[in-house]
Amino acid sequence: MPTPRPYVSPLREQAAARTRSLILQRATELFADRGYARVTVADIASAAGVASKTVFASVGSKGDILDRIVEQGVRESDYEQALAALLDLRTPESALEALARGTRFGNESQFLVHEAIRKALPVHEHGEALWERYTTAYRDALRAAARHLHTLTPAPPYSVGETADLLWFWFGPSGWRTLVVENGSSWDRAETLLLRTAVATLR
């Protein structure tokens, strides 16, 4: 006689998923605001309105939480869809416009995630690997964009590798953060400035 499988309540599973999502959201906000080192599991639990043991049971340790934030950021970045749209464009200007718009959306919508991870890097034992994991797909997308730009007319006056480096310099997380956070530009203004710089340089 087969062993009956334990019953799993769909409502309980949904509630658990909502709790995990809330914990991750509050942790992201706290890490982005205070920095990873200054946030405890108790702080996260308090912000989420749950007990510390619920945080550990639902998501894990503080390090586990940061790992999940990275995974969520990669999953929600939407680079593949933005790149697919860009690869259909046949002029450098339209491709760069799509790149500016797409990376602006990604950086703006994922701003707290970027900040949470960035502020964890100096104190996290695997900070460099963490950032590489978070940005690999982003870098790959910009390299693909650079290769595409070199199939168009006029092609950029640099090698494909140099073009990819420039795209990362302008449209990577640091480029957006420099203008918006460090210099107080609006996202609209930052998009305009980065696009103009890219078009003027890559003609």
C-alpha atoms as a PDB file:
ATOM      1  CA  MET A   1       0.000   0.000   0.000  1.00  0.00           C
ATOM      2  CA  PRO A   2       1.567   3.335  -1.060  1.00  0.00           C
ATOM      3  CA  THR A   3       2.465   5.834   1.619  1.00  0.00           C
ATOM      4  CA  PRO A   4       0.061   8.781   1.412  1.00  0.00           C
ATOM      5  CA  ARG A   5       1.675  12.066   0.600  1.00  0.00           C
ATOM      6  CA  PRO A   6       1.276  14.803   3.221  1.00  0.00           C
ATOM      7  CA  TYR A   7      -1.451  17.300   2.441  1.00  0.00           C
ATOM      8  CA  VAL A   8      -0.212  20.769   1.548  1.00  0.00           C
ATOM      9  CA  SER A   9      -2.732  23.551   1.931  1.00  0.00           C
ATOM     10  CA  PRO A  10      -2.686  25.921  -1.089  1.00  0.00           C
ATOM     11  CA  LEU A  11      -3.800  28.780   1.162  1.00  0.00           C
ATOM     12  CA  ARG A  12      -0.962  28.087   3.580  1.00  0.00           C
ATOM     13  CA  GLU A  13       1.514  27.963   0.695  1.00  0.00           C
ATOM     14  CA  GLN A  14       0.217  31.279  -0.635  1.00  0.00           C
ATOM     15  CA  ALA A  15       0.511  32.858   2.803  1.00  0.00           C
ATOM     16  CA  ALA A  16       4.069  31.549   3.153  1.00  0.00           C
ATOM     17  CA  ALA A  17       4.981  32.952  -0.274  1.00  0.00           C
ATOM     18  CA  ARG A  18       3.560  36.349   0.679  1.00  0.00           C
ATOM     19  CA  THR A  19       5.542  36.297   3.909  1.00  0.00           C
ATOM     20  CA  ARG A  20       8.776  35.478   2.059  1.00  0.00           C
ATOM     21  CA  SER A  21       8.109  38.233  -0.441  1.00  0.00           C
ATOM     22  CA  LEU A  22       7.444  40.766   2.320  1.00  0.00           C
ATOM     23  CA  ILE A  23      10.584  39.763   4.210  1.00  0.00           C
ATOM     24  CA  LEU A  24      12.703  40.153   1.074  1.00  0.00           C
ATOM     25  CA  GLN A  25      11.101  43.504   0.272  1.00  0.00           C
ATOM     26  CA  ARG A  26      11.710  44.890   3.754  1.00  0.00           C
ATOM     27  CA  ALA A  27      15.252  43.491   3.836  1.00  0.00           C
ATOM     28  CA  THR A  28      16.015  45.118   0.485  1.00  0.00           C
ATOM     29  CA  GLU A  29      14.741  48.460   1.759  1.00  0.00           C
ATOM     30  CA  LEU A  30      16.764  48.218   4.967  1.00  0.00           C
ATOM     31  CA  PHE A  31      19.973  47.093   3.223  1.00  0.00           C
ATOM     32  CA  ALA A  32      19.621  49.923   0.693  1.00  0.00           C
ATOM     33  CA  ASP A  33      18.951  52.516   3.399  1.00  0.00           C
ATOM     34  CA  ARG A  34      21.299  51.518   6.237  1.00  0.00           C
ATOM     35  CA  GLY A  35      23.752  49.177   4.580  1.00  0.00           C
ATOM     36  CA  TYR A  36      24.017  45.425   4.954  1.00  0.00           C
ATOM     37  CA  ALA A  37      26.375  45.517   7.958  1.00  0.00           C
ATOM     38  CA  ARG A  38      24.038  47.698  10.032  1.00  0.00           C
ATOM     39  CA  VAL A  39      20.937  45.545   9.598  1.00  0.00           C
ATOM     40  CA  THR A  40      20.137  42.529  11.758  1.00  0.00           C
ATOM     41  CA  VAL A  41      17.655  39.717  11.232  1.00  0.00           C
ATOM     42  CA  ALA A  42      15.699  41.224  14.139  1.00  0.00           C
ATOM     43  CA  ASP A  43      15.499  44.535  12.238  1.00  0.00           C
ATOM     44  CA  ILE A  44      14.175  42.728   9.175  1.00  0.00           C
ATOM     45  CA  ALA A  45      11.659  40.788  11.244  1.00  0.00           C
ATOM     46  CA  SER A  46      10.412  43.969  12.911  1.00  0.00           C
ATOM     47  CA  ALA A  47      10.039  45.777   9.569  1.00  0.00           C
ATOM     48  CA  ALA A  48       8.130  42.812   8.126  1.00  0.00           C
ATOM     49  CA  GLY A  49       5.941  42.438  11.225  1.00  0.00           C
ATOM     50  CA  VAL A  50       7.029  38.867  11.923  1.00  0.00           C
ATOM     51  CA  ALA A  51       9.167  37.069  14.509  1.00  0.00           C
ATOM     52  CA  SER A  52      12.881  36.533  13.904  1.00  0.00           C
ATOM     53  CA  LYS A  53      12.326  32.768  13.889  1.00  0.00           C
ATOM     54  CA  THR A  54       9.854  33.262  11.022  1.00  0.00           C
ATOM     55  CA  VAL A  55      12.572  35.021   9.015  1.00  0.00           C
ATOM     56  CA  PHE A  56      15.001  32.139   9.572  1.00  0.00           C
ATOM     57  CA  ALA A  57      12.354  29.524   8.795  1.00  0.00           C
ATOM     58  CA  SER A  58      11.023  31.302   5.727  1.00  0.00           C
ATOM     59  CA  VAL A  59      14.128  32.794   4.114  1.00  0.00           C
ATOM     60  CA  GLY A  60      17.182  31.857   6.178  1.00  0.00           C
ATOM     61  CA  SER A  61      20.084  33.866   7.564  1.00  0.00           C
ATOM     62  CA  LYS A  62      20.990  37.428   6.599  1.00  0.00           C
ATOM     63  CA  GLY A  63      23.425  36.029   4.046  1.00  0.00           C
ATOM     64  CA  ASP A  64      20.696  33.814   2.603  1.00  0.00           C
ATOM     65  CA  ILE A  65      18.434  36.842   2.343  1.00  0.00           C
ATOM     66  CA  LEU A  66      21.051  38.772   0.364  1.00  0.00           C
ATOM     67  CA  ASP A  67      21.510  35.774  -1.954  1.00  0.00           C
ATOM     68  CA  ARG A  68      17.768  35.709  -2.597  1.00  0.00           C
ATOM     69  CA  ILE A  69      17.765  39.446  -3.296  1.00  0.00           C
ATOM     70  CA  VAL A  70      20.493  38.925  -5.906  1.00  0.00           C
ATOM     71  CA  GLU A  71      18.573  36.045  -7.497  1.00  0.00           C
ATOM     72  CA  GLN A  72      15.389  38.100  -7.567  1.00  0.00           C
ATOM     73  CA  GLY A  73      17.197  41.060  -9.112  1.00  0.00           C
ATOM     74  CA  VAL A  74      18.636  38.913 -11.904  1.00  0.00           C
ATOM     75  CA  ARG A  75      15.251  37.287 -12.515  1.00  0.00           C
ATOM     76  CA  GLU A  76      13.401  40.606 -12.747  1.00  0.00           C
ATOM     77  CA  SER A  77      16.016  42.533 -14.720  1.00  0.00           C
ATOM     78  CA  ASP A  78      14.356  41.717 -18.080  1.00  0.00           C
ATOM     79  CA  TYR A  79      17.602  42.180 -20.045  1.00  0.00           C
ATOM     80  CA  GLU A  80      16.748  39.457 -22.545  1.00  0.00           C
ATOM     81  CA  GLN A  81      13.494  41.061 -23.650  1.00  0.00           C
ATOM     82  CA  ALA A  82      15.065  44.519 -23.923  1.00  0.00           C
ATOM     83  CA  LEU A  83      17.977  43.107 -25.930  1.00  0.00           C
ATOM     84  CA  ALA A  84      15.677  41.214 -28.289  1.00  0.00           C
ATOM     85  CA  ALA A  85      13.871  44.461 -29.127  1.00  0.00           C
ATOM     86  CA  LEU A  86      17.162  46.292 -29.666  1.00  0.00           C
ATOM     87  CA  LEU A  87      18.501  43.648 -32.067  1.00  0.00           C
ATOM     88  CA  ASP A  88      15.586  44.311 -34.428  1.00  0.00           C
ATOM     89  CA  LEU A  89      16.570  47.973 -34.872  1.00  0.00           C
ATOM     90  CA  ARG A  90      18.586  48.938 -37.945  1.00  0.00           C
ATOM     91  CA  THR A  91      20.078  52.362 -37.156  1.00  0.00           C
ATOM     92  CA  PRO A  92      22.673  53.200 -34.491  1.00  0.00           C
ATOM     93  CA  GLU A  93      20.531  56.029 -33.110  1.00  0.00           C
ATOM     94  CA  SER A  94      17.429  53.887 -32.656  1.00  0.00           C
ATOM     95  CA  ALA A  95      19.485  51.071 -31.097  1.00  0.00           C
ATOM     96  CA  LEU A  96      21.111  53.462 -28.634  1.00  0.00           C
ATOM     97  CA  GLU A  97      17.738  55.023 -27.804  1.00  0.00           C
ATOM     98  CA  ALA A  98      16.381  51.573 -27.007  1.00  0.00           C
ATOM     99  CA  LEU A  99      19.477  50.799 -24.928  1.00  0.00           C
ATOM    100  CA  ALA A 100      19.163  54.016 -22.942  1.00  0.00           C
ATOM    101  CA  ARG A 101      15.457  53.447 -22.371  1.00  0.00           C
ATOM    102  CA  GLY A 102      15.850  49.782 -21.443  1.00  0.00           C
ATOM    103  CA  THR A 103      18.772  50.227 -19.056  1.00  0.00           C
ATOM    104  CA  ARG A 104      17.059  53.245 -17.504  1.00  0.00           C
ATOM    105  CA  PHE A 105      13.974  51.117 -16.804  1.00  0.00           C
ATOM    106  CA  GLY A 106      16.078  48.316 -15.333  1.00  0.00           C
ATOM    107  CA  ASN A 107      18.114  50.616 -13.105  1.00  0.00           C
ATOM    108  CA  GLU A 108      15.148  52.692 -11.990  1.00  0.00           C
ATOM    109  CA  SER A 109      12.879  49.731 -11.245  1.00  0.00           C
ATOM    110  CA  GLN A 110      15.696  47.804  -9.537  1.00  0.00           C
ATOM    111  CA  PHE A 111      17.218  50.789  -7.748  1.00  0.00           C
ATOM    112  CA  LEU A 112      16.742  49.505  -4.197  1.00  0.00           C
ATOM    113  CA  VAL A 113      18.115  46.107  -5.165  1.00  0.00           C
ATOM    114  CA  HIS A 114      21.204  47.753  -6.699  1.00  0.00           C
ATOM    115  CA  GLU A 115      21.734  49.838  -3.577  1.00  0.00           C
ATOM    116  CA  ALA A 116      21.227  46.891  -1.247  1.00  0.00           C
ATOM    117  CA  ILE A 117      23.837  44.840  -3.079  1.00  0.00           C
ATOM    118  CA  ARG A 118      26.255  47.720  -3.601  1.00  0.00           C
ATOM    119  CA  LYS A 119      26.286  48.592   0.097  1.00  0.00           C
ATOM    120  CA  ALA A 120      26.904  44.946   1.007  1.00  0.00           C
ATOM    121  CA  LEU A 121      30.012  44.601  -1.169  1.00  0.00           C
ATOM    122  CA  PRO A 122      32.605  46.166   1.196  1.00  0.00           C
ATOM    123  CA  VAL A 123      31.582  43.946   4.122  1.00  0.00           C
ATOM    124  CA  HIS A 124      30.458  40.749   2.436  1.00  0.00           C
ATOM    125  CA  GLU A 125      33.098  38.002   2.391  1.00  0.00           C
ATOM    126  CA  HIS A 126      32.242  37.175  -1.211  1.00  0.00           C
ATOM    127  CA  GLY A 127      31.401  40.707  -2.321  1.00  0.00           C
ATOM    128  CA  GLU A 128      33.236  40.611  -5.647  1.00  0.00           C
ATOM    129  CA  ALA A 129      31.649  37.297  -6.627  1.00  0.00           C
ATOM    130  CA  LEU A 130      28.264  38.611  -5.518  1.00  0.00           C
ATOM    131  CA  TRP A 131      28.497  41.653  -7.794  1.00  0.00           C
ATOM    132  CA  GLU A 132      29.769  39.561 -10.688  1.00  0.00           C
ATOM    133  CA  ARG A 133      26.837  37.185 -10.272  1.00  0.00           C
ATOM    134  CA  TYR A 134      24.417  40.090 -10.235  1.00  0.00           C
ATOM    135  CA  THR A 135      25.872  41.883 -13.271  1.00  0.00           C
ATOM    136  CA  THR A 136      26.934  39.019 -15.584  1.00  0.00           C
ATOM    137  CA  ALA A 137      23.695  38.977 -17.594  1.00  0.00           C
ATOM    138  CA  TYR A 138      23.756  42.791 -17.743  1.00  0.00           C
ATOM    139  CA  ARG A 139      27.312  42.825 -19.117  1.00  0.00           C
ATOM    140  CA  ASP A 140      26.483  40.073 -21.608  1.00  0.00           C
ATOM    141  CA  ALA A 141      23.514  42.086 -22.871  1.00  0.00           C
ATOM    142  CA  LEU A 142      25.677  45.180 -23.414  1.00  0.00           C
ATOM    143  CA  ARG A 143      28.307  43.106 -25.240  1.00  0.00           C
ATOM    144  CA  ALA A 144      25.572  41.783 -27.520  1.00  0.00           C
ATOM    145  CA  ALA A 145      24.381  45.357 -28.067  1.00  0.00           C
ATOM    146  CA  ALA A 146      27.940  46.389 -28.983  1.00  0.00           C
ATOM    147  CA  ARG A 147      28.222  43.559 -31.518  1.00  0.00           C
ATOM    148  CA  HIS A 148      24.904  44.628 -33.029  1.00  0.00           C
ATOM    149  CA  LEU A 149      26.025  48.252 -33.311  1.00  0.00           C
ATOM    150  CA  HIS A 150      29.022  47.066 -35.338  1.00  0.00           C
ATOM    151  CA  THR A 151      26.676  45.513 -37.913  1.00  0.00           C
ATOM    152  CA  LEU A 152      24.989  48.869 -38.542  1.00  0.00           C
ATOM    153  CA  THR A 153      26.001  51.873 -40.627  1.00  0.00           C
ATOM    154  CA  PRO A 154      27.912  53.825 -39.565  1.00  0.00           C
ATOM    155  CA  ALA A 155      29.672  51.384 -37.235  1.00  0.00           C
ATOM    156  CA  PRO A 156      31.328  52.752 -34.079  1.00  0.00           C
ATOM    157  CA  PRO A 157      34.955  53.926 -34.566  1.00  0.00           C
ATOM    158  CA  TYR A 158      36.236  51.466 -31.942  1.00  0.00           C
ATOM    159  CA  SER A 159      36.703  47.738 -31.604  1.00  0.00           C
ATOM    160  CA  VAL A 160      33.697  45.711 -30.463  1.00  0.00           C
ATOM    161  CA  GLY A 161      35.362  45.222 -27.079  1.00  0.00           C
ATOM    162  CA  GLU A 162      35.973  48.952 -26.639  1.00  0.00           C
ATOM    163  CA  THR A 163      32.397  49.721 -27.651  1.00  0.00           C
ATOM    164  CA  ALA A 164      31.128  47.215 -25.072  1.00  0.00           C
ATOM    165  CA  ASP A 165      33.316  48.851 -22.423  1.00  0.00           C
ATOM    166  CA  LEU A 166      31.920  52.270 -23.279  1.00  0.00           C
ATOM    167  CA  LEU A 167      28.331  50.989 -23.132  1.00  0.00           C
ATOM    168  CA  TRP A 168      29.046  49.550 -19.676  1.00  0.00           C
ATOM    169  CA  PHE A 169      30.633  52.865 -18.603  1.00  0.00           C
ATOM    170  CA  TRP A 170      27.578  54.833 -19.689  1.00  0.00           C
ATOM    171  CA  PHE A 171      24.665  52.449 -19.276  1.00  0.00           C
ATOM    172  CA  GLY A 172      25.903  50.135 -16.518  1.00  0.00           C
ATOM    173  CA  PRO A 173      24.708  50.619 -12.922  1.00  0.00           C
ATOM    174  CA  SER A 174      27.541  53.005 -12.021  1.00  0.00           C
ATOM    175  CA  GLY A 175      26.770  55.381 -14.889  1.00  0.00           C
ATOM    176  CA  TRP A 176      23.146  55.734 -13.880  1.00  0.00           C
ATOM    177  CA  ARG A 177      23.999  55.978 -10.182  1.00  0.00           C
ATOM    178  CA  THR A 178      26.612  58.692 -10.757  1.00  0.00           C
ATOM    179  CA  LEU A 179      24.087  60.961 -12.427  1.00  0.00           C
ATOM    180  CA  VAL A 180      20.966  60.193 -10.383  1.00  0.00           C
ATOM    181  CA  VAL A 181      22.319  59.588  -6.876  1.00  0.00           C
ATOM    182  CA  GLU A 182      25.627  61.411  -6.729  1.00  0.00           C
ATOM    183  CA  ASN A 183      24.699  64.392  -8.909  1.00  0.00           C
ATOM    184  CA  GLY A 184      20.950  64.645  -8.334  1.00  0.00           C
ATOM    185  CA  SER A 185      19.766  64.312 -11.942  1.00  0.00           C
ATOM    186  CA  SER A 186      16.272  63.060 -12.641  1.00  0.00           C
ATOM    187  CA  TRP A 187      16.010  59.723 -14.415  1.00  0.00           C
ATOM    188  CA  ASP A 188      14.680  61.551 -17.491  1.00  0.00           C
ATOM    189  CA  ARG A 189      17.635  63.937 -17.521  1.00  0.00           C
ATOM    190  CA  ALA A 190      20.107  61.111 -16.951  1.00  0.00           C
ATOM    191  CA  GLU A 191      18.636  59.178 -19.879  1.00  0.00           C
ATOM    192  CA  THR A 192      18.962  62.198 -22.150  1.00  0.00           C
ATOM    193  CA  LEU A 193      22.559  62.907 -21.122  1.00  0.00           C
ATOM    194  CA  LEU A 194      23.735  59.328 -21.466  1.00  0.00           C
ATOM    195  CA  LEU A 195      22.022  58.901 -24.828  1.00  0.00           C
ATOM    196  CA  ARG A 196      23.509  62.116 -26.227  1.00  0.00           C
ATOM    197  CA  THR A 197      26.980  61.134 -25.049  1.00  0.00           C
ATOM    198  CA  ALA A 198      26.688  57.668 -26.576  1.00  0.00           C
ATOM    199  CA  VAL A 199      25.385  58.918 -29.931  1.00  0.00           C
ATOM    200  CA  ALA A 200      28.046  61.640 -30.181  1.00  0.00           C
ATOM    201  CA  THR A 201      30.905  59.300 -29.242  1.00  0.00           C
ATOM    202  CA  LEU A 202      29.922  56.286 -31.324  1.00  0.00           C
ATOM    203  CA  ARG A 203      29.230  58.065 -34.604  1.00  0.00           C
END
